[in-house]
Amino acid sequence: MRRCTRTSNYLERLNAKVKRQEKVIGVFPSKGSLIRLVGTYLIEENDRWAAKSKQYWLPVVEELERRKGDLEEIARTQRRMRLAS
C-alpha cells in the first residue's frame, strides 16, 4: 500500500475518477445515493488492489523462502562488520 500512498498522486487520481463519476450522474437525489456511488467505486478500487497484491505477493514470499539461508548469512556478515567498526 505504501507504493500508492507515498505521494498524493494516487489519491488525486482517485478523487478525479470519483468526480468524473459524479459528473456522469449529475444531480443526486440524496446524500445516501452519493455515498453509495463513492462507496461502490472505492470497493471496486480496493478489490483491484487486493487482486494485484495477491498476484505479486506469493511469488515474492516463495523467493524469500528459497533464499532464506543466503539472507541469514548476509545478515550475520553485516552484523559482524557493524560490530567490528
N, C-alpha and C. Protein backbone atom coordinates (compact mmCIF):
# COMPACT_ATOMS: atom_id res chain seq x y z
N MET A 1 0.81 -1.19 0.00
CA MET A 1 0.00 0.00 0.00
C MET A 1 0.86 1.26 0.00
N ARG A 2 2.06 1.17 0.55
CA ARG A 2 2.93 2.34 0.59
C ARG A 2 3.21 2.85 -0.81
N ARG A 3 3.25 1.94 -1.77
CA ARG A 3 3.54 2.32 -3.15
C ARG A 3 2.55 3.36 -3.65
N CYS A 4 1.28 3.23 -3.26
CA CYS A 4 0.29 4.18 -3.78
C CYS A 4 0.10 5.38 -2.88
N THR A 5 0.52 5.31 -1.62
CA THR A 5 0.27 6.44 -0.73
C THR A 5 1.52 7.23 -0.38
N ARG A 6 2.68 6.87 -0.90
CA ARG A 6 3.89 7.62 -0.56
C ARG A 6 3.85 9.02 -1.15
N THR A 7 3.08 9.22 -2.21
CA THR A 7 2.83 10.56 -2.73
C THR A 7 1.32 10.73 -2.82
N SER A 8 0.89 11.92 -3.09
CA SER A 8 -0.56 12.15 -3.17
C SER A 8 -1.08 11.89 -4.58
N ASN A 9 -0.25 11.46 -5.50
CA ASN A 9 -0.69 11.23 -6.88
C ASN A 9 -1.84 10.24 -6.96
N TYR A 10 -1.71 9.12 -6.24
CA TYR A 10 -2.75 8.10 -6.28
C TYR A 10 -4.07 8.64 -5.74
N LEU A 11 -4.00 9.36 -4.63
CA LEU A 11 -5.21 9.92 -4.03
C LEU A 11 -5.84 10.97 -4.94
N GLU A 12 -5.01 11.78 -5.58
CA GLU A 12 -5.54 12.78 -6.51
C GLU A 12 -6.22 12.11 -7.70
N ARG A 13 -5.61 11.03 -8.20
CA ARG A 13 -6.21 10.32 -9.33
C ARG A 13 -7.53 9.68 -8.91
N LEU A 14 -7.56 9.12 -7.71
CA LEU A 14 -8.78 8.50 -7.19
C LEU A 14 -9.88 9.55 -7.05
N ASN A 15 -9.56 10.71 -6.50
CA ASN A 15 -10.55 11.78 -6.37
C ASN A 15 -11.05 12.24 -7.73
N ALA A 16 -10.15 12.34 -8.71
CA ALA A 16 -10.56 12.76 -10.06
C ALA A 16 -11.52 11.76 -10.68
N LYS A 17 -11.27 10.47 -10.46
CA LYS A 17 -12.17 9.44 -11.00
C LYS A 17 -13.55 9.53 -10.36
N VAL A 18 -13.57 9.76 -9.05
CA VAL A 18 -14.85 9.89 -8.36
C VAL A 18 -15.60 11.12 -8.88
N LYS A 19 -14.89 12.23 -9.09
CA LYS A 19 -15.53 13.44 -9.62
C LYS A 19 -16.10 13.21 -11.01
N ARG A 20 -15.36 12.44 -11.84
CA ARG A 20 -15.88 12.13 -13.18
C ARG A 20 -17.17 11.33 -13.08
N GLN A 21 -17.22 10.38 -12.15
CA GLN A 21 -18.44 9.60 -11.96
C GLN A 21 -19.59 10.48 -11.48
N GLU A 22 -19.28 11.44 -10.60
CA GLU A 22 -20.31 12.36 -10.13
C GLU A 22 -20.88 13.17 -11.28
N LYS A 23 -20.01 13.62 -12.19
CA LYS A 23 -20.47 14.44 -13.32
C LYS A 23 -21.36 13.64 -14.26
N VAL A 24 -21.09 12.34 -14.39
CA VAL A 24 -21.93 11.49 -15.25
C VAL A 24 -23.34 11.44 -14.70
N ILE A 25 -23.47 11.29 -13.39
CA ILE A 25 -24.79 11.21 -12.75
C ILE A 25 -25.46 12.58 -12.75
N GLY A 26 -24.70 13.60 -12.42
CA GLY A 26 -25.24 14.95 -12.40
C GLY A 26 -25.80 15.33 -11.06
N VAL A 27 -27.10 15.11 -10.86
CA VAL A 27 -27.77 15.51 -9.62
C VAL A 27 -28.11 14.24 -8.83
N PHE A 28 -27.78 14.26 -7.55
CA PHE A 28 -28.08 13.12 -6.70
C PHE A 28 -29.33 13.41 -5.88
N PRO A 29 -30.25 12.45 -5.81
CA PRO A 29 -31.49 12.69 -5.06
C PRO A 29 -31.28 12.80 -3.55
N SER A 30 -30.22 12.19 -3.04
CA SER A 30 -29.98 12.25 -1.59
C SER A 30 -28.49 12.04 -1.31
N LYS A 31 -28.11 12.31 -0.06
CA LYS A 31 -26.73 12.06 0.35
C LYS A 31 -26.41 10.57 0.24
N GLY A 32 -27.37 9.75 0.58
CA GLY A 32 -27.18 8.30 0.54
C GLY A 32 -26.80 7.80 -0.84
N SER A 33 -27.41 8.36 -1.87
CA SER A 33 -27.08 7.91 -3.23
C SER A 33 -25.64 8.30 -3.61
N LEU A 34 -25.20 9.46 -3.17
CA LEU A 34 -23.82 9.86 -3.42
C LEU A 34 -22.85 8.97 -2.66
N ILE A 35 -23.18 8.67 -1.41
CA ILE A 35 -22.33 7.79 -0.60
C ILE A 35 -22.26 6.41 -1.22
N ARG A 36 -23.38 5.89 -1.74
CA ARG A 36 -23.38 4.58 -2.38
C ARG A 36 -22.50 4.58 -3.63
N LEU A 37 -22.58 5.64 -4.43
CA LEU A 37 -21.77 5.72 -5.63
C LEU A 37 -20.28 5.72 -5.28
N VAL A 38 -19.89 6.60 -4.37
CA VAL A 38 -18.48 6.70 -3.98
C VAL A 38 -18.04 5.42 -3.29
N GLY A 39 -18.88 4.88 -2.42
CA GLY A 39 -18.54 3.63 -1.73
C GLY A 39 -18.34 2.48 -2.69
N THR A 40 -19.21 2.37 -3.68
CA THR A 40 -19.09 1.30 -4.67
C THR A 40 -17.79 1.44 -5.45
N TYR A 41 -17.46 2.66 -5.83
CA TYR A 41 -16.21 2.87 -6.57
C TYR A 41 -15.01 2.52 -5.71
N LEU A 42 -15.03 2.92 -4.45
CA LEU A 42 -13.90 2.63 -3.56
C LEU A 42 -13.77 1.13 -3.28
N ILE A 43 -14.88 0.43 -3.19
CA ILE A 43 -14.84 -1.02 -3.01
C ILE A 43 -14.22 -1.68 -4.23
N GLU A 44 -14.60 -1.23 -5.43
CA GLU A 44 -14.01 -1.78 -6.66
C GLU A 44 -12.51 -1.51 -6.70
N GLU A 45 -12.10 -0.32 -6.31
CA GLU A 45 -10.68 0.03 -6.30
C GLU A 45 -9.92 -0.84 -5.29
N ASN A 46 -10.53 -1.06 -4.13
CA ASN A 46 -9.92 -1.92 -3.12
C ASN A 46 -9.77 -3.35 -3.64
N ASP A 47 -10.79 -3.86 -4.30
CA ASP A 47 -10.72 -5.21 -4.87
C ASP A 47 -9.62 -5.30 -5.91
N ARG A 48 -9.48 -4.25 -6.71
CA ARG A 48 -8.43 -4.24 -7.74
C ARG A 48 -7.05 -4.31 -7.09
N TRP A 49 -6.84 -3.54 -6.03
CA TRP A 49 -5.56 -3.56 -5.33
C TRP A 49 -5.32 -4.89 -4.64
N ALA A 50 -6.40 -5.47 -4.07
CA ALA A 50 -6.25 -6.76 -3.38
C ALA A 50 -5.84 -7.84 -4.38
N ALA A 51 -6.45 -7.85 -5.55
CA ALA A 51 -6.10 -8.84 -6.57
C ALA A 51 -4.68 -8.61 -7.07
N LYS A 52 -4.31 -7.37 -7.22
CA LYS A 52 -2.97 -7.04 -7.70
C LYS A 52 -1.90 -7.49 -6.69
N SER A 53 -2.16 -7.26 -5.41
CA SER A 53 -1.16 -7.63 -4.41
C SER A 53 -1.03 -9.14 -4.30
N LYS A 54 -2.13 -9.87 -4.47
CA LYS A 54 -2.06 -11.33 -4.42
C LYS A 54 -1.23 -11.86 -5.58
N GLN A 55 -1.34 -11.20 -6.71
CA GLN A 55 -0.61 -11.63 -7.89
C GLN A 55 0.89 -11.57 -7.65
N TYR A 56 1.36 -10.56 -6.94
CA TYR A 56 2.79 -10.39 -6.73
C TYR A 56 3.26 -10.93 -5.39
N TRP A 57 2.39 -11.06 -4.42
CA TRP A 57 2.79 -11.42 -3.07
C TRP A 57 3.34 -12.83 -3.00
N LEU A 58 2.61 -13.81 -3.51
CA LEU A 58 3.02 -15.21 -3.38
C LEU A 58 4.38 -15.50 -4.00
N PRO A 59 4.66 -15.06 -5.21
CA PRO A 59 6.00 -15.32 -5.76
C PRO A 59 7.12 -14.69 -4.93
N VAL A 60 6.88 -13.52 -4.36
CA VAL A 60 7.90 -12.87 -3.55
C VAL A 60 8.17 -13.69 -2.29
N VAL A 61 7.12 -14.16 -1.65
CA VAL A 61 7.28 -14.96 -0.44
C VAL A 61 8.03 -16.24 -0.78
N GLU A 62 7.67 -16.88 -1.87
CA GLU A 62 8.36 -18.12 -2.27
C GLU A 62 9.84 -17.86 -2.53
N GLU A 63 10.16 -16.76 -3.19
CA GLU A 63 11.56 -16.42 -3.46
C GLU A 63 12.32 -16.18 -2.16
N LEU A 64 11.71 -15.46 -1.24
CA LEU A 64 12.37 -15.20 0.04
C LEU A 64 12.59 -16.50 0.82
N GLU A 65 11.65 -17.41 0.77
CA GLU A 65 11.81 -18.70 1.45
C GLU A 65 12.97 -19.48 0.84
N ARG A 66 13.09 -19.45 -0.48
CA ARG A 66 14.19 -20.15 -1.15
C ARG A 66 15.54 -19.55 -0.78
N ARG A 67 15.59 -18.25 -0.59
CA ARG A 67 16.85 -17.56 -0.32
C ARG A 67 17.08 -17.29 1.16
N LYS A 68 16.29 -17.91 2.02
CA LYS A 68 16.36 -17.64 3.45
C LYS A 68 17.77 -17.85 4.00
N GLY A 69 18.41 -18.94 3.64
CA GLY A 69 19.76 -19.22 4.12
C GLY A 69 20.75 -18.15 3.70
N ASP A 70 20.68 -17.76 2.42
CA ASP A 70 21.57 -16.71 1.92
C ASP A 70 21.34 -15.39 2.65
N LEU A 71 20.08 -15.05 2.86
CA LEU A 71 19.75 -13.79 3.53
C LEU A 71 20.22 -13.79 4.98
N GLU A 72 20.09 -14.95 5.64
CA GLU A 72 20.57 -15.04 7.02
C GLU A 72 22.09 -14.86 7.07
N GLU A 73 22.79 -15.45 6.13
CA GLU A 73 24.25 -15.31 6.07
C GLU A 73 24.65 -13.84 5.82
N ILE A 74 23.95 -13.18 4.93
CA ILE A 74 24.22 -11.76 4.67
C ILE A 74 23.99 -10.94 5.94
N ALA A 75 22.91 -11.23 6.66
CA ALA A 75 22.62 -10.50 7.90
C ALA A 75 23.71 -10.73 8.93
N ARG A 76 24.19 -11.97 9.05
CA ARG A 76 25.26 -12.26 10.01
C ARG A 76 26.53 -11.51 9.63
N THR A 77 26.87 -11.51 8.34
CA THR A 77 28.07 -10.81 7.88
C THR A 77 27.97 -9.32 8.17
N GLN A 78 26.82 -8.72 7.90
CA GLN A 78 26.64 -7.30 8.16
C GLN A 78 26.72 -6.99 9.65
N ARG A 79 26.16 -7.89 10.48
CA ARG A 79 26.23 -7.69 11.92
C ARG A 79 27.69 -7.72 12.39
N ARG A 80 28.47 -8.70 11.89
CA ARG A 80 29.89 -8.77 12.27
C ARG A 80 30.64 -7.52 11.83
N MET A 81 30.36 -7.03 10.63
CA MET A 81 31.03 -5.84 10.13
C MET A 81 30.67 -4.62 10.97
N ARG A 82 29.42 -4.53 11.39
CA ARG A 82 28.99 -3.41 12.20
C ARG A 82 29.67 -3.43 13.56
N LEU A 83 29.77 -4.61 14.15
CA LEU A 83 30.41 -4.73 15.46
C LEU A 83 31.93 -4.49 15.38
N ALA A 84 32.53 -4.83 14.24
CA ALA A 84 33.98 -4.65 14.08
C ALA A 84 34.36 -3.18 13.91
N SER A 85 33.46 -2.37 13.43
CA SER A 85 33.81 -0.97 13.18
C SER A 85 33.61 -0.07 14.36
